[in-house]
Amino acid sequence: MATRTSTRRPRDSGGAGRARKSRQYLVDERGRPTAIVLPLGEYEKLVEAAEQRDDIRHLEEAKKVRGKPISLEELEARLRVRGKLR
């Protein structure tokens, strides 16, 4: 499967998204997009946004748990008693 790079938007991408000139698309022999090449800075921003979204989701899940908050030291002590932490 041969691929080539193209800086144009893939024709079957659908939607009205912005195509930046710095993005490159890898396409197959029929011109269908198979991958995208992003500048490192843009990739790092996407990773950071995904990590923040995960942090928010975990925080929201933690807020649903009922009970009194405990300190890290108390948690470690409880886990040691249960044999889950050395």
PDB file of N, CA and C in Angstrom:
ATOM      1  N   MET A   1       0.841  -1.173   0.000  1.00  0.00           N
ATOM      2  CA  MET A   1       0.000   0.000   0.000  1.00  0.00           C
ATOM      3  C   MET A   1       0.884   1.234   0.000  1.00  0.00           C
ATOM      4  N   ALA A   2       0.942   1.889  -1.096  1.00  0.00           N
ATOM      5  CA  ALA A   2       1.763   3.091  -1.214  1.00  0.00           C
ATOM      6  C   ALA A   2       1.024   4.285  -0.639  1.00  0.00           C
ATOM      7  N   THR A   3       1.753   5.148   0.020  1.00  0.00           N
ATOM      8  CA  THR A   3       1.140   6.375   0.531  1.00  0.00           C
ATOM      9  C   THR A   3       1.932   7.559   0.014  1.00  0.00           C
ATOM     10  N   ARG A   4       1.268   8.664  -0.063  1.00  0.00           N
ATOM     11  CA  ARG A   4       1.931   9.902  -0.450  1.00  0.00           C
ATOM     12  C   ARG A   4       1.429  10.995   0.472  1.00  0.00           C
ATOM     13  N   THR A   5       2.136  12.089   0.526  1.00  0.00           N
ATOM     14  CA  THR A   5       1.690  13.186   1.371  1.00  0.00           C
ATOM     15  C   THR A   5       1.030  14.250   0.533  1.00  0.00           C
ATOM     16  N   SER A   6       0.094  14.908   1.177  1.00  0.00           N
ATOM     17  CA  SER A   6      -0.617  15.989   0.517  1.00  0.00           C
ATOM     18  C   SER A   6      -0.899  17.049   1.560  1.00  0.00           C
ATOM     19  N   THR A   7      -0.764  18.306   1.196  1.00  0.00           N
ATOM     20  CA  THR A   7      -1.073  19.373   2.135  1.00  0.00           C
ATOM     21  C   THR A   7      -2.501  19.875   1.957  1.00  0.00           C
ATOM     22  N   ARG A   8      -3.226  19.309   1.012  1.00  0.00           N
ATOM     23  CA  ARG A   8      -4.621  19.719   0.841  1.00  0.00           C
ATOM     24  C   ARG A   8      -5.509  18.880   1.751  1.00  0.00           C
ATOM     25  N   ARG A   9      -6.712  19.408   2.019  1.00  0.00           N
ATOM     26  CA  ARG A   9      -7.672  18.655   2.807  1.00  0.00           C
ATOM     27  C   ARG A   9      -8.120  17.437   2.023  1.00  0.00           C
ATOM     28  N   PRO A  10      -8.298  16.323   2.708  1.00  0.00           N
ATOM     29  CA  PRO A  10      -8.803  15.150   2.001  1.00  0.00           C
ATOM     30  C   PRO A  10     -10.206  15.422   1.480  1.00  0.00           C
ATOM     31  N   ARG A  11     -10.538  14.898   0.322  1.00  0.00           N
ATOM     32  CA  ARG A  11     -11.823  15.217  -0.277  1.00  0.00           C
ATOM     33  C   ARG A  11     -12.993  14.615   0.463  1.00  0.00           C
ATOM     34  N   ASP A  12     -12.795  13.500   1.181  1.00  0.00           N
ATOM     35  CA  ASP A  12     -13.914  12.881   1.874  1.00  0.00           C
ATOM     36  C   ASP A  12     -13.873  13.141   3.369  1.00  0.00           C
ATOM     37  N   SER A  13     -13.262  14.254   3.797  1.00  0.00           N
ATOM     38  CA  SER A  13     -13.152  14.531   5.225  1.00  0.00           C
ATOM     39  C   SER A  13     -14.467  14.968   5.821  1.00  0.00           C
ATOM     40  N   GLY A  14     -15.373  15.506   5.006  1.00  0.00           N
ATOM     41  CA  GLY A  14     -16.676  15.930   5.503  1.00  0.00           C
ATOM     42  C   GLY A  14     -16.542  17.066   6.485  1.00  0.00           C
ATOM     43  N   GLY A  15     -17.587  17.818   6.666  1.00  0.00           N
ATOM     44  CA  GLY A  15     -17.566  18.911   7.627  1.00  0.00           C
ATOM     45  C   GLY A  15     -16.828  20.115   7.112  1.00  0.00           C
ATOM     46  N   ALA A  16     -16.925  21.191   7.873  1.00  0.00           N
ATOM     47  CA  ALA A  16     -16.321  22.446   7.454  1.00  0.00           C
ATOM     48  C   ALA A  16     -15.151  22.806   8.352  1.00  0.00           C
ATOM     49  N   GLY A  17     -14.324  21.819   8.691  1.00  0.00           N
ATOM     50  CA  GLY A  17     -13.190  22.081   9.570  1.00  0.00           C
ATOM     51  C   GLY A  17     -12.128  22.923   8.896  1.00  0.00           C
ATOM     52  N   ARG A  18     -11.320  23.561   9.711  1.00  0.00           N
ATOM     53  CA  ARG A  18     -10.238  24.380   9.172  1.00  0.00           C
ATOM     54  C   ARG A  18      -9.069  23.487   8.785  1.00  0.00           C
ATOM     55  N   ALA A  19      -8.545  23.671   7.636  1.00  0.00           N
ATOM     56  CA  ALA A  19      -7.337  22.955   7.231  1.00  0.00           C
ATOM     57  C   ALA A  19      -6.172  23.919   7.360  1.00  0.00           C
ATOM     58  N   ARG A  20      -5.218  23.566   8.160  1.00  0.00           N
ATOM     59  CA  ARG A  20      -4.037  24.413   8.304  1.00  0.00           C
ATOM     60  C   ARG A  20      -2.993  23.973   7.303  1.00  0.00           C
ATOM     61  N   LYS A  21      -2.241  24.913   6.820  1.00  0.00           N
ATOM     62  CA  LYS A  21      -1.229  24.596   5.825  1.00  0.00           C
ATOM     63  C   LYS A  21      -0.131  23.702   6.388  1.00  0.00           C
ATOM     64  N   SER A  22       0.051  23.721   7.714  1.00  0.00           N
ATOM     65  CA  SER A  22       1.119  22.941   8.312  1.00  0.00           C
ATOM     66  C   SER A  22       0.757  21.466   8.477  1.00  0.00           C
ATOM     67  N   ARG A  23      -0.506  21.113   8.289  1.00  0.00           N
ATOM     68  CA  ARG A  23      -0.913  19.712   8.401  1.00  0.00           C
ATOM     69  C   ARG A  23      -0.681  19.019   7.071  1.00  0.00           C
ATOM     70  N   GLN A  24      -0.221  17.791   7.175  1.00  0.00           N
ATOM     71  CA  GLN A  24      -0.041  16.984   5.972  1.00  0.00           C
ATOM     72  C   GLN A  24      -0.849  15.712   6.142  1.00  0.00           C
ATOM     73  N   TYR A  25      -1.492  15.285   5.076  1.00  0.00           N
ATOM     74  CA  TYR A  25      -2.293  14.079   5.098  1.00  0.00           C
ATOM     75  C   TYR A  25      -1.576  12.990   4.319  1.00  0.00           C
ATOM     76  N   LEU A  26      -1.577  11.791   4.862  1.00  0.00           N
ATOM     77  CA  LEU A  26      -1.092  10.634   4.127  1.00  0.00           C
ATOM     78  C   LEU A  26      -2.320   9.989   3.514  1.00  0.00           C
ATOM     79  N   VAL A  27      -2.257   9.735   2.232  1.00  0.00           N
ATOM     80  CA  VAL A  27      -3.400   9.170   1.530  1.00  0.00           C
ATOM     81  C   VAL A  27      -2.984   7.899   0.798  1.00  0.00           C
ATOM     82  N   ASP A  28      -3.966   7.035   0.555  1.00  0.00           N
ATOM     83  CA  ASP A  28      -3.658   5.808  -0.176  1.00  0.00           C
ATOM     84  C   ASP A  28      -3.716   6.062  -1.682  1.00  0.00           C
ATOM     85  N   GLU A  29      -3.615   4.993  -2.441  1.00  0.00           N
ATOM     86  CA  GLU A  29      -3.570   5.120  -3.898  1.00  0.00           C
ATOM     87  C   GLU A  29      -4.805   5.795  -4.471  1.00  0.00           C
ATOM     88  N   ARG A  30      -5.920   5.690  -3.781  1.00  0.00           N
ATOM     89  CA  ARG A  30      -7.175   6.272  -4.270  1.00  0.00           C
ATOM     90  C   ARG A  30      -7.429   7.674  -3.724  1.00  0.00           C
ATOM     91  N   GLY A  31      -6.472   8.199  -3.001  1.00  0.00           N
ATOM     92  CA  GLY A  31      -6.610   9.541  -2.461  1.00  0.00           C
ATOM     93  C   GLY A  31      -7.373   9.610  -1.147  1.00  0.00           C
ATOM     94  N   ARG A  32      -7.640   8.464  -0.532  1.00  0.00           N
ATOM     95  CA  ARG A  32      -8.351   8.439   0.747  1.00  0.00           C
ATOM     96  C   ARG A  32      -7.356   8.685   1.876  1.00  0.00           C
ATOM     97  N   PRO A  33      -7.705   9.545   2.821  1.00  0.00           N
ATOM     98  CA  PRO A  33      -6.782   9.832   3.923  1.00  0.00           C
ATOM     99  C   PRO A  33      -6.587   8.612   4.807  1.00  0.00           C
ATOM    100  N   THR A  34      -5.343   8.366   5.189  1.00  0.00           N
ATOM    101  CA  THR A  34      -5.021   7.256   6.082  1.00  0.00           C
ATOM    102  C   THR A  34      -4.375   7.732   7.375  1.00  0.00           C
ATOM    103  N   ALA A  35      -3.781   8.917   7.365  1.00  0.00           N
ATOM    104  CA  ALA A  35      -3.116   9.453   8.556  1.00  0.00           C
ATOM    105  C   ALA A  35      -2.910  10.947   8.365  1.00  0.00           C
ATOM    106  N   ILE A  36      -2.542  11.611   9.453  1.00  0.00           N
ATOM    107  CA  ILE A  36      -2.262  13.045   9.394  1.00  0.00           C
ATOM    108  C   ILE A  36      -0.948  13.305  10.119  1.00  0.00           C
ATOM    109  N   VAL A  37      -0.178  14.227   9.594  1.00  0.00           N
ATOM    110  CA  VAL A  37       1.079  14.646  10.215  1.00  0.00           C
ATOM    111  C   VAL A  37       0.855  16.053  10.747  1.00  0.00           C
ATOM    112  N   LEU A  38       1.076  16.232  12.065  1.00  0.00           N
ATOM    113  CA  LEU A  38       0.889  17.530  12.715  1.00  0.00           C
ATOM    114  C   LEU A  38       2.216  18.074  13.193  1.00  0.00           C
ATOM    115  N   PRO A  39       2.340  19.379  13.278  1.00  0.00           N
ATOM    116  CA  PRO A  39       3.524  19.948  13.922  1.00  0.00           C
ATOM    117  C   PRO A  39       3.552  19.505  15.384  1.00  0.00           C
ATOM    118  N   LEU A  40       4.732  19.319  15.931  1.00  0.00           N
ATOM    119  CA  LEU A  40       4.877  18.830  17.293  1.00  0.00           C
ATOM    120  C   LEU A  40       4.136  19.698  18.300  1.00  0.00           C
ATOM    121  N   GLY A  41       4.194  20.999  18.159  1.00  0.00           N
ATOM    122  CA  GLY A  41       3.513  21.892  19.093  1.00  0.00           C
ATOM    123  C   GLY A  41       2.006  21.686  19.101  1.00  0.00           C
ATOM    124  N   GLU A  42       1.432  21.485  17.924  1.00  0.00           N
ATOM    125  CA  GLU A  42      -0.008  21.254  17.830  1.00  0.00           C
ATOM    126  C   GLU A  42      -0.370  19.914  18.470  1.00  0.00           C
ATOM    127  N   TYR A  43       0.453  18.899  18.236  1.00  0.00           N
ATOM    128  CA  TYR A  43       0.240  17.581  18.849  1.00  0.00           C
ATOM    129  C   TYR A  43       0.284  17.693  20.373  1.00  0.00           C
ATOM    130  N   GLU A  44       1.284  18.405  20.900  1.00  0.00           N
ATOM    131  CA  GLU A  44       1.414  18.548  22.353  1.00  0.00           C
ATOM    132  C   GLU A  44       0.208  19.266  22.953  1.00  0.00           C
ATOM    133  N   LYS A  45      -0.344  20.254  22.238  1.00  0.00           N
ATOM    134  CA  LYS A  45      -1.552  20.937  22.719  1.00  0.00           C
ATOM    135  C   LYS A  45      -2.734  19.978  22.774  1.00  0.00           C
ATOM    136  N   LEU A  46      -2.855  19.122  21.776  1.00  0.00           N
ATOM    137  CA  LEU A  46      -3.939  18.142  21.763  1.00  0.00           C
ATOM    138  C   LEU A  46      -3.810  17.154  22.915  1.00  0.00           C
ATOM    139  N   VAL A  47      -2.586  16.697  23.173  1.00  0.00           N
ATOM    140  CA  VAL A  47      -2.355  15.770  24.281  1.00  0.00           C
ATOM    141  C   VAL A  47      -2.691  16.439  25.612  1.00  0.00           C
ATOM    142  N   GLU A  48      -2.250  17.669  25.801  1.00  0.00           N
ATOM    143  CA  GLU A  48      -2.527  18.408  27.038  1.00  0.00           C
ATOM    144  C   GLU A  48      -4.031  18.585  27.234  1.00  0.00           C
ATOM    145  N   ALA A  49      -4.750  18.926  26.181  1.00  0.00           N
ATOM    146  CA  ALA A  49      -6.206  19.099  26.276  1.00  0.00           C
ATOM    147  C   ALA A  49      -6.882  17.782  26.660  1.00  0.00           C
ATOM    148  N   ALA A  50      -6.428  16.678  26.087  1.00  0.00           N
ATOM    149  CA  ALA A  50      -7.002  15.371  26.415  1.00  0.00           C
ATOM    150  C   ALA A  50      -6.718  15.005  27.873  1.00  0.00           C
ATOM    151  N   GLU A  51      -5.505  15.298  28.347  1.00  0.00           N
ATOM    152  CA  GLU A  51      -5.169  15.006  29.741  1.00  0.00           C
ATOM    153  C   GLU A  51      -6.006  15.857  30.693  1.00  0.00           C
ATOM    154  N   GLN A  52      -6.219  17.116  30.352  1.00  0.00           N
ATOM    155  CA  GLN A  52      -7.049  17.977  31.194  1.00  0.00           C
ATOM    156  C   GLN A  52      -8.485  17.471  31.229  1.00  0.00           C
ATOM    157  N   ARG A  53      -8.985  17.035  30.090  1.00  0.00           N
ATOM    158  CA  ARG A  53     -10.343  16.496  30.031  1.00  0.00           C
ATOM    159  C   ARG A  53     -10.464  15.254  30.918  1.00  0.00           C
ATOM    160  N   ASP A  54      -9.436  14.387  30.895  1.00  0.00           N
ATOM    161  CA  ASP A  54      -9.433  13.203  31.758  1.00  0.00           C
ATOM    162  C   ASP A  54      -9.392  13.593  33.226  1.00  0.00           C
ATOM    163  N   ASP A  55      -8.575  14.596  33.553  1.00  0.00           N
ATOM    164  CA  ASP A  55      -8.493  15.057  34.945  1.00  0.00           C
ATOM    165  C   ASP A  55      -9.849  15.558  35.427  1.00  0.00           C
ATOM    166  N   ILE A  56     -10.540  16.307  34.589  1.00  0.00           N
ATOM    167  CA  ILE A  56     -11.859  16.835  34.959  1.00  0.00           C
ATOM    168  C   ILE A  56     -12.847  15.686  35.146  1.00  0.00           C
ATOM    169  N   ARG A  57     -12.800  14.710  34.258  1.00  0.00           N
ATOM    170  CA  ARG A  57     -13.699  13.557  34.368  1.00  0.00           C
ATOM    171  C   ARG A  57     -13.437  12.795  35.666  1.00  0.00           C
ATOM    172  N   HIS A  58     -12.170  12.586  36.005  1.00  0.00           N
ATOM    173  CA  HIS A  58     -11.842  11.890  37.252  1.00  0.00           C
ATOM    174  C   HIS A  58     -12.285  12.693  38.470  1.00  0.00           C
ATOM    175  N   LEU A  59     -12.130  14.003  38.410  1.00  0.00           N
ATOM    176  CA  LEU A  59     -12.573  14.851  39.515  1.00  0.00           C
ATOM    177  C   LEU A  59     -14.074  14.746  39.698  1.00  0.00           C
ATOM    178  N   GLU A  60     -14.818  14.799  38.602  1.00  0.00           N
ATOM    179  CA  GLU A  60     -16.279  14.682  38.682  1.00  0.00           C
ATOM    180  C   GLU A  60     -16.689  13.325  39.252  1.00  0.00           C
ATOM    181  N   GLU A  61     -15.998  12.262  38.865  1.00  0.00           N
ATOM    182  CA  GLU A  61     -16.295  10.933  39.408  1.00  0.00           C
ATOM    183  C   GLU A  61     -15.996  10.883  40.905  1.00  0.00           C
ATOM    184  N   ALA A  62     -14.896  11.509  41.312  1.00  0.00           N
ATOM    185  CA  ALA A  62     -14.523  11.516  42.729  1.00  0.00           C
ATOM    186  C   ALA A  62     -15.535  12.290  43.566  1.00  0.00           C
ATOM    187  N   LYS A  63     -16.124  13.332  42.995  1.00  0.00           N
ATOM    188  CA  LYS A  63     -17.121  14.123  43.719  1.00  0.00           C
ATOM    189  C   LYS A  63     -18.380  13.316  44.003  1.00  0.00           C
ATOM    190  N   LYS A  64     -18.655  12.307  43.187  1.00  0.00           N
ATOM    191  CA  LYS A  64     -19.847  11.486  43.362  1.00  0.00           C
ATOM    192  C   LYS A  64     -19.714  10.513  44.533  1.00  0.00           C
ATOM    193  N   VAL A  65     -18.480  10.220  44.923  1.00  0.00           N
ATOM    194  CA  VAL A  65     -18.240   9.282  46.016  1.00  0.00           C
ATOM    195  C   VAL A  65     -18.619   9.948  47.327  1.00  0.00           C
ATOM    196  N   ARG A  66     -19.459   9.260  48.083  1.00  0.00           N
ATOM    197  CA  ARG A  66     -19.888   9.825  49.361  1.00  0.00           C
ATOM    198  C   ARG A  66     -18.917   9.404  50.452  1.00  0.00           C
ATOM    199  N   GLY A  67     -18.850  10.202  51.464  1.00  0.00           N
ATOM    200  CA  GLY A  67     -17.995   9.885  52.594  1.00  0.00           C
ATOM    201  C   GLY A  67     -17.066  11.035  52.900  1.00  0.00           C
ATOM    202  N   LYS A  68     -16.415  10.891  54.017  1.00  0.00           N
ATOM    203  CA  LYS A  68     -15.496  11.925  54.479  1.00  0.00           C
ATOM    204  C   LYS A  68     -14.152  11.779  53.761  1.00  0.00           C
ATOM    205  N   PRO A  69     -13.603  12.869  53.258  1.00  0.00           N
ATOM    206  CA  PRO A  69     -12.272  12.787  52.629  1.00  0.00           C
ATOM    207  C   PRO A  69     -11.221  12.359  53.653  1.00  0.00           C
ATOM    208  N   ILE A  70     -10.228  11.617  53.183  1.00  0.00           N
ATOM    209  CA  ILE A  70      -9.141  11.200  54.073  1.00  0.00           C
ATOM    210  C   ILE A  70      -7.824  11.663  53.477  1.00  0.00           C
ATOM    211  N   SER A  71      -6.833  11.738  54.328  1.00  0.00           N
ATOM    212  CA  SER A  71      -5.504  12.162  53.877  1.00  0.00           C
ATOM    213  C   SER A  71      -4.803  11.026  53.149  1.00  0.00           C
ATOM    214  N   LEU A  72      -3.748  11.369  52.431  1.00  0.00           N
ATOM    215  CA  LEU A  72      -2.951  10.350  51.757  1.00  0.00           C
ATOM    216  C   LEU A  72      -2.367   9.373  52.766  1.00  0.00           C
ATOM    217  N   GLU A  73      -1.917   9.879  53.898  1.00  0.00           N
ATOM    218  CA  GLU A  73      -1.331   9.020  54.933  1.00  0.00           C
ATOM    219  C   GLU A  73      -2.365   8.007  55.442  1.00  0.00           C
ATOM    220  N   GLU A  74      -3.611   8.452  55.641  1.00  0.00           N
ATOM    221  CA  GLU A  74      -4.666   7.547  56.100  1.00  0.00           C
ATOM    222  C   GLU A  74      -4.971   6.494  55.040  1.00  0.00           C
ATOM    223  N   LEU A  75      -5.014   6.895  53.783  1.00  0.00           N
ATOM    224  CA  LEU A  75      -5.249   5.949  52.700  1.00  0.00           C
ATOM    225  C   LEU A  75      -4.144   4.899  52.661  1.00  0.00           C
ATOM    226  N   GLU A  76      -2.891   5.342  52.764  1.00  0.00           N
ATOM    227  CA  GLU A  76      -1.775   4.394  52.754  1.00  0.00           C
ATOM    228  C   GLU A  76      -1.852   3.430  53.918  1.00  0.00           C
ATOM    229  N   ALA A  77      -2.227   3.926  55.100  1.00  0.00           N
ATOM    230  CA  ALA A  77      -2.346   3.062  56.274  1.00  0.00           C
ATOM    231  C   ALA A  77      -3.429   2.006  56.048  1.00  0.00           C
ATOM    232  N   ARG A  78      -4.572   2.408  55.514  1.00  0.00           N
ATOM    233  CA  ARG A  78      -5.654   1.461  55.249  1.00  0.00           C
ATOM    234  C   ARG A  78      -5.241   0.412  54.221  1.00  0.00           C
ATOM    235  N   LEU A  79      -4.520   0.833  53.199  1.00  0.00           N
ATOM    236  CA  LEU A  79      -4.072  -0.114  52.179  1.00  0.00           C
ATOM    237  C   LEU A  79      -3.040  -1.092  52.735  1.00  0.00           C
ATOM    238  N   ARG A  80      -2.189  -0.626  53.644  1.00  0.00           N
ATOM    239  CA  ARG A  80      -1.216  -1.524  54.272  1.00  0.00           C
ATOM    240  C   ARG A  80      -1.920  -2.591  55.104  1.00  0.00           C
ATOM    241  N   VAL A  81      -2.942  -2.181  55.857  1.00  0.00           N
ATOM    242  CA  VAL A  81      -3.697  -3.130  56.687  1.00  0.00           C
ATOM    243  C   VAL A  81      -4.337  -4.201  55.811  1.00  0.00           C
ATOM    244  N   ARG A  82      -4.812  -3.818  54.632  1.00  0.00           N
ATOM    245  CA  ARG A  82      -5.452  -4.763  53.714  1.00  0.00           C
ATOM    246  C   ARG A  82      -4.452  -5.557  52.882  1.00  0.00           C
ATOM    247  N   GLY A  83      -3.160  -5.259  53.050  1.00  0.00           N
ATOM    248  CA  GLY A  83      -2.140  -5.961  52.297  1.00  0.00           C
ATOM    249  C   GLY A  83      -2.007  -5.491  50.859  1.00  0.00           C
ATOM    250  N   LYS A  84      -2.555  -4.344  50.547  1.00  0.00           N
ATOM    251  CA  LYS A  84      -2.508  -3.832  49.177  1.00  0.00           C
ATOM    252  C   LYS A  84      -1.317  -2.890  48.947  1.00  0.00           C
ATOM    253  N   LEU A  85      -0.623  -2.548  50.022  1.00  0.00           N
ATOM    254  CA  LEU A  85       0.513  -1.632  49.933  1.00  0.00           C
ATOM    255  C   LEU A  85       1.561  -2.077  50.939  1.00  0.00           C
ATOM    256  N   ARG A  86       2.787  -2.039  50.534  1.00  0.00           N
ATOM    257  CA  ARG A  86       3.877  -2.424  51.452  1.00  0.00           C
ATOM    258  C   ARG A  86       4.426  -1.217  52.156  1.00  0.00           C
TER     259      ARG A  86
END
